[in-house]
Amino acid sequence: MWLLILSRILLIYQPLNLAVSAATALNSLPTRGPKVLVAIAVRVLGAGVSVAAGLALTNRLPHAVRLTQVALAVSAACDVFIYTTSFYPNNRPPGDTPYYVAATIAVHSLAMIYLWRSKRVRTLLD
């Protein structure tokens, strides 16, 4: 069940999150300049790897777990990059960024630990 949830997050949530946030970010292009395009490109990369991993998990491909681990690492790195730079518009209250970074690292780490430790994942995809 957790594997199904993880694959759906990678397949559905990541692209939707990108679409909604990129639409908002593009509106800030006149004020933020080309830096926002770099941030959008980083998010597109993260979403692309996530979709590939979600498809691999859904189709139970042999490399699915490794690709999902890479996707989680890329997604976490993209999120931390977005949270810690001023490239991307946000509406977080001042001082809350460390909480967002910590939550992102915690969620991605838990998913990684699940993929590493779960016997069910290994037997399901072997």
C-alpha atoms as a PDB file:
ATOM      1  CA  MET A   1       0.000   0.000   0.000  1.00  0.00           C
ATOM      2  CA  TRP A   2       2.798   2.453   0.891  1.00  0.00           C
ATOM      3  CA  LEU A   3       4.500   1.710  -2.377  1.00  0.00           C
ATOM      4  CA  LEU A   4       1.305   2.543  -4.259  1.00  0.00           C
ATOM      5  CA  ILE A   5       0.986   5.825  -2.363  1.00  0.00           C
ATOM      6  CA  LEU A   6       4.612   6.680  -3.068  1.00  0.00           C
ATOM      7  CA  SER A   7       4.257   5.928  -6.767  1.00  0.00           C
ATOM      8  CA  ARG A   8       1.114   8.089  -7.012  1.00  0.00           C
ATOM      9  CA  ILE A   9       2.832  10.965  -5.232  1.00  0.00           C
ATOM     10  CA  LEU A  10       5.672  10.739  -7.723  1.00  0.00           C
ATOM     11  CA  LEU A  11       3.324  10.443 -10.702  1.00  0.00           C
ATOM     12  CA  ILE A  12       0.584  12.906  -9.777  1.00  0.00           C
ATOM     13  CA  TYR A  13       1.604  15.257  -6.980  1.00  0.00           C
ATOM     14  CA  GLN A  14       5.017  16.269  -8.305  1.00  0.00           C
ATOM     15  CA  PRO A  15       3.796  17.386 -11.775  1.00  0.00           C
ATOM     16  CA  LEU A  16       0.731  19.119 -10.318  1.00  0.00           C
ATOM     17  CA  ASN A  17       2.863  20.916  -7.763  1.00  0.00           C
ATOM     18  CA  LEU A  18       5.196  22.004 -10.556  1.00  0.00           C
ATOM     19  CA  ALA A  19       2.326  23.238 -12.732  1.00  0.00           C
ATOM     20  CA  VAL A  20       0.711  25.308  -9.994  1.00  0.00           C
ATOM     21  CA  SER A  21       3.929  26.778  -8.657  1.00  0.00           C
ATOM     22  CA  ALA A  22       5.426  27.453 -12.099  1.00  0.00           C
ATOM     23  CA  ALA A  23       2.329  29.389 -13.125  1.00  0.00           C
ATOM     24  CA  THR A  24       2.743  31.595 -10.075  1.00  0.00           C
ATOM     25  CA  ALA A  25       6.491  31.874 -10.598  1.00  0.00           C
ATOM     26  CA  LEU A  26       6.149  32.949 -14.210  1.00  0.00           C
ATOM     27  CA  ASN A  27       4.007  35.865 -13.070  1.00  0.00           C
ATOM     28  CA  SER A  28       6.990  37.094 -11.073  1.00  0.00           C
ATOM     29  CA  LEU A  29       9.352  36.982 -14.054  1.00  0.00           C
ATOM     30  CA  PRO A  30       9.345  40.779 -14.565  1.00  0.00           C
ATOM     31  CA  THR A  31      10.384  41.429 -10.956  1.00  0.00           C
ATOM     32  CA  ARG A  32      12.704  38.455 -10.296  1.00  0.00           C
ATOM     33  CA  GLY A  33      14.294  38.221 -13.724  1.00  0.00           C
ATOM     34  CA  PRO A  34      15.847  35.147 -15.330  1.00  0.00           C
ATOM     35  CA  LYS A  35      16.679  33.592 -11.952  1.00  0.00           C
ATOM     36  CA  VAL A  36      13.100  32.381 -11.747  1.00  0.00           C
ATOM     37  CA  LEU A  37      13.577  30.499 -15.028  1.00  0.00           C
ATOM     38  CA  VAL A  38      16.555  28.680 -13.508  1.00  0.00           C
ATOM     39  CA  ALA A  39      14.420  27.717 -10.524  1.00  0.00           C
ATOM     40  CA  ILE A  40      11.628  26.479 -12.789  1.00  0.00           C
ATOM     41  CA  ALA A  41      14.152  24.424 -14.765  1.00  0.00           C
ATOM     42  CA  VAL A  42      15.363  22.833 -11.520  1.00  0.00           C
ATOM     43  CA  ARG A  43      11.789  21.960 -10.593  1.00  0.00           C
ATOM     44  CA  VAL A  44      11.103  20.539 -14.066  1.00  0.00           C
ATOM     45  CA  LEU A  45      14.147  18.297 -13.686  1.00  0.00           C
ATOM     46  CA  GLY A  46      12.911  17.082 -10.300  1.00  0.00           C
ATOM     47  CA  ALA A  47       9.397  16.438 -11.578  1.00  0.00           C
ATOM     48  CA  GLY A  48      10.704  14.593 -14.642  1.00  0.00           C
ATOM     49  CA  VAL A  49      12.811  12.209 -12.583  1.00  0.00           C
ATOM     50  CA  SER A  50       9.874  11.714 -10.197  1.00  0.00           C
ATOM     51  CA  VAL A  51       7.499  10.805 -13.011  1.00  0.00           C
ATOM     52  CA  ALA A  52      10.033   8.347 -14.424  1.00  0.00           C
ATOM     53  CA  ALA A  53      10.397   6.739 -10.996  1.00  0.00           C
ATOM     54  CA  GLY A  54       6.629   6.610 -10.487  1.00  0.00           C
ATOM     55  CA  LEU A  55       6.175   4.880 -13.843  1.00  0.00           C
ATOM     56  CA  ALA A  56       8.970   2.435 -13.037  1.00  0.00           C
ATOM     57  CA  LEU A  57       7.342   1.593  -9.689  1.00  0.00           C
ATOM     58  CA  THR A  58       3.921   1.198 -11.271  1.00  0.00           C
ATOM     59  CA  ASN A  59       5.272  -1.107 -13.967  1.00  0.00           C
ATOM     60  CA  ARG A  60       7.494  -2.958 -11.452  1.00  0.00           C
ATOM     61  CA  LEU A  61      10.629  -2.541 -13.489  1.00  0.00           C
ATOM     62  CA  PRO A  62      13.861  -4.020 -12.117  1.00  0.00           C
ATOM     63  CA  HIS A  63      15.505  -0.629 -11.578  1.00  0.00           C
ATOM     64  CA  ALA A  64      12.430   0.992 -10.028  1.00  0.00           C
ATOM     65  CA  VAL A  65      13.670   1.134  -6.438  1.00  0.00           C
ATOM     66  CA  ARG A  66      17.040   2.630  -7.388  1.00  0.00           C
ATOM     67  CA  LEU A  67      15.363   5.203  -9.670  1.00  0.00           C
ATOM     68  CA  THR A  68      12.909   6.082  -6.910  1.00  0.00           C
ATOM     69  CA  GLN A  69      15.781   6.642  -4.499  1.00  0.00           C
ATOM     70  CA  VAL A  70      17.411   8.943  -7.033  1.00  0.00           C
ATOM     71  CA  ALA A  71      14.093  10.739  -7.580  1.00  0.00           C
ATOM     72  CA  LEU A  72      13.648  11.273  -3.850  1.00  0.00           C
ATOM     73  CA  ALA A  73      17.172  12.666  -3.534  1.00  0.00           C
ATOM     74  CA  VAL A  74      16.678  14.984  -6.530  1.00  0.00           C
ATOM     75  CA  SER A  75      13.271  16.083  -5.257  1.00  0.00           C
ATOM     76  CA  ALA A  76      14.646  16.853  -1.804  1.00  0.00           C
ATOM     77  CA  ALA A  77      17.573  18.778  -3.288  1.00  0.00           C
ATOM     78  CA  CYS A  78      15.223  20.768  -5.548  1.00  0.00           C
ATOM     79  CA  ASP A  79      12.911  21.603  -2.667  1.00  0.00           C
ATOM     80  CA  VAL A  80      15.758  22.698  -0.408  1.00  0.00           C
ATOM     81  CA  PHE A  81      17.186  24.798  -3.258  1.00  0.00           C
ATOM     82  CA  ILE A  82      13.820  26.486  -3.790  1.00  0.00           C
ATOM     83  CA  TYR A  83      13.276  27.067  -0.062  1.00  0.00           C
ATOM     84  CA  THR A  84      16.731  28.494   0.617  1.00  0.00           C
ATOM     85  CA  THR A  85      17.143  30.820  -2.354  1.00  0.00           C
ATOM     86  CA  SER A  86      15.256  33.933  -3.337  1.00  0.00           C
ATOM     87  CA  PHE A  87      14.893  32.738  -6.928  1.00  0.00           C
ATOM     88  CA  TYR A  88      11.356  31.452  -6.488  1.00  0.00           C
ATOM     89  CA  PRO A  89       8.400  33.415  -5.113  1.00  0.00           C
ATOM     90  CA  ASN A  90       6.914  32.195  -1.844  1.00  0.00           C
ATOM     91  CA  ASN A  91       4.426  33.236   0.773  1.00  0.00           C
ATOM     92  CA  ARG A  92       6.096  31.666   3.800  1.00  0.00           C
ATOM     93  CA  PRO A  93       6.195  33.774   6.940  1.00  0.00           C
ATOM     94  CA  PRO A  94       9.659  35.121   7.798  1.00  0.00           C
ATOM     95  CA  GLY A  95      11.670  32.641   9.822  1.00  0.00           C
ATOM     96  CA  ASP A  96       9.687  29.569   8.755  1.00  0.00           C
ATOM     97  CA  THR A  97      12.062  28.399   6.037  1.00  0.00           C
ATOM     98  CA  PRO A  98      14.094  26.138   8.390  1.00  0.00           C
ATOM     99  CA  TYR A  99      10.881  24.320   9.313  1.00  0.00           C
ATOM    100  CA  TYR A 100      10.051  23.738   5.664  1.00  0.00           C
ATOM    101  CA  VAL A 101      13.562  22.477   4.974  1.00  0.00           C
ATOM    102  CA  ALA A 102      13.459  20.158   7.991  1.00  0.00           C
ATOM    103  CA  ALA A 103      10.044  18.800   7.001  1.00  0.00           C
ATOM    104  CA  THR A 104      11.181  18.201   3.439  1.00  0.00           C
ATOM    105  CA  ILE A 105      14.296  16.360   4.562  1.00  0.00           C
ATOM    106  CA  ALA A 106      12.285  14.313   7.081  1.00  0.00           C
ATOM    107  CA  VAL A 107       9.621  13.228   4.582  1.00  0.00           C
ATOM    108  CA  HIS A 108      12.111  12.330   1.870  1.00  0.00           C
ATOM    109  CA  SER A 109      14.324  10.512   4.389  1.00  0.00           C
ATOM    110  CA  LEU A 110      11.394   8.446   5.666  1.00  0.00           C
ATOM    111  CA  ALA A 111      10.513   7.437   2.123  1.00  0.00           C
ATOM    112  CA  MET A 112      14.158   6.487   1.471  1.00  0.00           C
ATOM    113  CA  ILE A 113      14.328   4.431   4.659  1.00  0.00           C
ATOM    114  CA  TYR A 114      11.119   2.658   3.651  1.00  0.00           C
ATOM    115  CA  LEU A 115      12.600   1.763   0.274  1.00  0.00           C
ATOM    116  CA  TRP A 116      15.856   0.544   1.837  1.00  0.00           C
ATOM    117  CA  ARG A 117      14.377  -1.450   4.699  1.00  0.00           C
ATOM    118  CA  SER A 118      11.098  -2.847   3.402  1.00  0.00           C
ATOM    119  CA  LYS A 119      11.209  -6.556   2.673  1.00  0.00           C
ATOM    120  CA  ARG A 120       7.920  -6.193   0.860  1.00  0.00           C
ATOM    121  CA  VAL A 121       9.439  -3.723  -1.605  1.00  0.00           C
ATOM    122  CA  ARG A 122      12.306  -6.085  -2.327  1.00  0.00           C
ATOM    123  CA  THR A 123      10.089  -9.118  -2.846  1.00  0.00           C
ATOM    124  CA  LEU A 124       7.491  -7.211  -4.819  1.00  0.00           C
ATOM    125  CA  LEU A 125       9.976  -5.810  -7.322  1.00  0.00           C
ATOM    126  CA  ASP A 126      12.334  -8.790  -7.564  1.00  0.00           C
END
